[in-house]
Protein backbone atom coordinates (compact mmCIF):
# COMPACT_ATOMS: atom_id res chain seq x y z
CA UNK A 1 -13.73 -12.20 -1.19
CA UNK A 2 -13.62 -8.50 -0.53
CA UNK A 3 -12.69 -5.82 -2.98
CA UNK A 4 -11.94 -2.17 -2.31
CA UNK A 5 -11.95 0.75 -4.69
CA UNK A 6 -9.58 3.60 -4.00
CA UNK A 7 -11.18 6.72 -5.46
CA UNK A 8 -8.22 9.02 -6.13
CA UNK A 9 -7.83 12.40 -7.76
CA UNK A 10 -6.21 10.52 -10.68
CA UNK A 11 -8.95 7.90 -11.09
CA UNK A 12 -10.14 4.68 -9.46
CA UNK A 13 -8.04 1.69 -8.43
CA UNK A 14 -9.90 -1.56 -7.68
CA UNK A 15 -8.10 -4.04 -5.42
CA UNK A 16 -9.13 -7.66 -4.87
CA UNK A 17 -8.12 -8.66 -1.33
CA UNK A 18 -6.57 -12.02 -0.40
CA UNK A 19 -8.67 -12.62 2.73
CA UNK A 20 -8.30 -16.40 2.55
CA UNK A 21 -4.49 -16.25 2.39
CA UNK A 22 -3.66 -13.43 4.80
CA UNK A 23 -6.77 -12.84 6.94
CA UNK A 24 -5.12 -10.75 9.67
CA UNK A 25 -3.55 -8.36 7.17
CA UNK A 26 -6.76 -8.01 5.16
CA UNK A 27 -8.84 -7.40 8.29
CA UNK A 28 -6.31 -4.77 9.41
CA UNK A 29 -6.59 -3.00 6.03
CA UNK A 30 -10.39 -3.25 5.97
CA UNK A 31 -10.54 -1.85 9.50
CA UNK A 32 -8.74 1.28 8.35
CA UNK A 33 -11.02 1.45 5.29
CA UNK A 34 -14.22 1.11 7.36
CA UNK A 35 -13.02 3.83 9.75
CA UNK A 36 -12.48 6.28 6.86
CA UNK A 37 -8.79 6.46 7.80
CA UNK A 38 -7.57 6.58 4.19
CA UNK A 39 -9.97 9.36 3.14
CA UNK A 40 -7.85 12.38 2.27
CA UNK A 41 -4.52 10.57 2.58
CA UNK A 42 -1.89 10.87 -0.11
CA UNK A 43 0.41 8.60 -2.05
CA UNK A 44 3.53 10.01 -0.45
CA UNK A 45 6.22 7.89 -2.10
CA UNK A 46 6.42 7.39 -5.86
CA UNK A 47 9.38 5.54 -7.35
CA UNK A 48 8.92 4.66 -11.05
CA UNK A 49 9.71 1.03 -11.81
CA UNK A 50 9.37 0.12 -8.12
CA UNK A 51 6.31 1.19 -6.06
CA UNK A 52 3.75 3.83 -5.22
CA UNK A 53 3.14 4.00 -1.47
CA UNK A 54 0.36 5.57 0.59
CA UNK A 55 -1.81 5.22 3.64
CA UNK A 56 -0.02 7.14 6.33
CA UNK A 57 0.11 10.84 5.52
CA UNK A 58 -2.11 13.77 4.67
CA UNK A 59 -1.01 16.71 2.51
CA UNK A 60 2.32 18.33 3.41
CA UNK A 61 3.48 15.03 4.93
CA UNK A 62 1.34 15.29 8.06
CA UNK A 63 1.71 11.84 9.63
CA UNK A 64 -1.38 10.08 11.00
CA UNK A 65 -1.63 8.09 14.23
CA UNK A 66 -2.22 4.40 13.58
CA UNK A 67 -3.41 1.26 15.32
CA UNK A 68 -1.05 -1.36 16.70
CA UNK A 69 1.12 -3.23 14.15
CA UNK A 70 -0.16 -6.39 12.51
CA UNK A 71 1.66 -9.74 12.38
CA UNK A 72 3.59 -10.17 9.12
CA UNK A 73 1.84 -12.88 7.08
CA UNK A 74 4.24 -12.81 4.10
CA UNK A 75 5.05 -16.46 4.82
CA UNK A 76 1.66 -17.31 3.20
CA UNK A 77 3.44 -17.02 -0.12
CA UNK A 78 1.82 -14.34 -2.27
CA UNK A 79 4.55 -12.70 -4.35
CA UNK A 80 5.39 -9.02 -4.85
CA UNK A 81 4.57 -8.99 -8.56
CA UNK A 82 3.53 -6.04 -10.70
CA UNK A 83 0.05 -4.93 -9.65
CA UNK A 84 0.04 -6.59 -6.24
CA UNK A 85 -0.57 -4.61 -3.06
CA UNK A 86 1.56 -5.15 0.03
CA UNK A 87 1.97 -3.74 3.53
CA UNK A 88 4.74 -1.22 4.07
CA UNK A 89 6.74 -1.54 7.28
CA UNK A 90 9.94 -0.49 9.01
CA UNK A 91 13.03 -2.72 9.24
CA UNK A 92 11.17 -4.69 11.93
CA UNK A 93 9.28 -7.57 10.26
CA UNK A 94 6.08 -7.20 12.31
CA UNK A 95 5.73 -3.40 12.22
CA UNK A 96 3.14 -2.81 9.45
CA UNK A 97 0.20 -0.61 10.42
CA UNK A 98 -1.70 1.44 7.80
CA UNK A 99 0.75 2.08 4.99
CA UNK A 100 0.67 -0.01 1.83
CA UNK A 101 2.28 0.00 -1.57
CA UNK A 102 1.41 -1.11 -5.08
CA UNK A 103 4.21 -2.88 -6.92
CA UNK A 104 5.05 -1.32 -10.29
CA UNK A 105 7.31 -4.24 -11.22
CA UNK A 106 8.05 -7.79 -10.12
CA UNK A 107 9.92 -7.03 -6.87
CA UNK A 108 10.98 -10.56 -5.95
CA UNK A 109 13.53 -9.29 -3.42
CA UNK A 110 10.56 -8.16 -1.26
CA UNK A 111 9.19 -11.71 -0.96
CA UNK A 112 9.35 -13.92 2.13
CA UNK A 113 12.46 -16.11 2.16
CA UNK A 114 12.74 -17.14 5.81
CA UNK A 115 11.97 -16.20 9.40
CA UNK A 116 14.96 -13.90 9.84
CA UNK A 117 15.25 -10.12 10.05
CA UNK A 118 16.14 -9.92 6.35
CA UNK A 119 13.94 -12.81 5.24
CA UNK A 120 10.44 -11.88 6.38
CA UNK A 121 9.66 -9.80 3.32
CA UNK A 122 6.58 -7.66 2.74
CA UNK A 123 3.11 -9.18 2.99
CA UNK A 124 1.10 -9.08 -0.24
CA UNK A 125 -2.59 -8.85 0.61
CA UNK A 126 -4.26 -8.07 -2.71
CA UNK A 127 -3.93 -7.18 -6.36
CA UNK A 128 -5.13 -4.41 -8.62
CA UNK A 129 -7.90 -5.86 -10.79
CA UNK A 130 -8.89 -2.57 -12.46
CA UNK A 131 -7.06 0.73 -12.68
CA UNK A 132 -3.43 -0.20 -13.41
CA UNK A 133 -3.53 2.66 -15.92
CA UNK A 134 -4.25 4.95 -12.95
CA UNK A 135 -1.41 3.35 -10.97
CA UNK A 136 0.95 3.90 -13.93
CA UNK A 137 -0.21 7.53 -14.26
CA UNK A 138 0.56 8.10 -10.58
CA UNK A 139 3.97 6.46 -11.08
CA UNK A 140 4.73 9.09 -13.74
CA UNK A 141 4.06 12.20 -11.63
CA UNK A 142 6.86 14.64 -10.87
CA UNK A 143 8.37 14.16 -7.41
CA UNK A 144 10.31 16.29 -4.92
CA UNK A 145 11.85 16.12 -1.47
CA UNK A 146 9.72 17.31 1.46
CA UNK A 147 11.32 17.63 4.88
CA UNK A 148 13.23 14.35 5.31
CA UNK A 149 11.17 12.49 2.68
CA UNK A 150 12.24 11.82 -0.91
CA UNK A 151 10.11 10.79 -3.89
CA UNK A 152 7.08 12.82 -2.71
CA UNK A 153 4.72 13.87 -5.53
CA UNK A 154 5.14 17.57 -6.33
CA UNK A 155 1.33 17.84 -6.45
CA UNK A 156 -0.75 15.75 -4.04
CA UNK A 157 -2.00 12.39 -5.28
CA UNK A 158 -4.95 11.98 -2.94
CA UNK A 159 -7.15 9.06 -1.97
CA UNK A 160 -10.49 10.87 -1.86
CA UNK A 161 -12.29 7.92 -0.28
CA UNK A 162 -12.46 4.14 -0.23
CA UNK A 163 -15.42 1.98 -1.23
CA UNK A 164 -15.65 -1.57 0.11
CA UNK A 165 -17.42 -4.35 -1.83
CA UNK A 166 -17.77 -7.37 0.49
């Protein structure tokens, strides 16, 4: 089983990946990690008691080009519990690319409940195994609005680089 370490400017976050449960999603994430895609990206959405989200923007909300979307594997059953990591997506169930979020609470309403537009949920592909204190520190940063985005950290919370342990 693979593990990644997000080295951030707030500390390290180690994530155990669920490669056996959601192989397509994990391979998608690892592909971005291997390519150095996440290096220098920011956690651009911080909502205390809900999630911290990153993986798609550089400083000043500069959006990055991504690969094609991955199939939503939320049906596999992993739950959006505190400390789990899931793919972010648009309203379309199979639209996840590079963005991910770390759940700050048990967000059961994000779980798979059926193969319908509202039921697909958000695919959990790993869990924080070390560094939840860092996640909680990020969750406590001051936020602001930036362009059309809300809940953006007032000071960048940056993923410096990603280390993969396979």
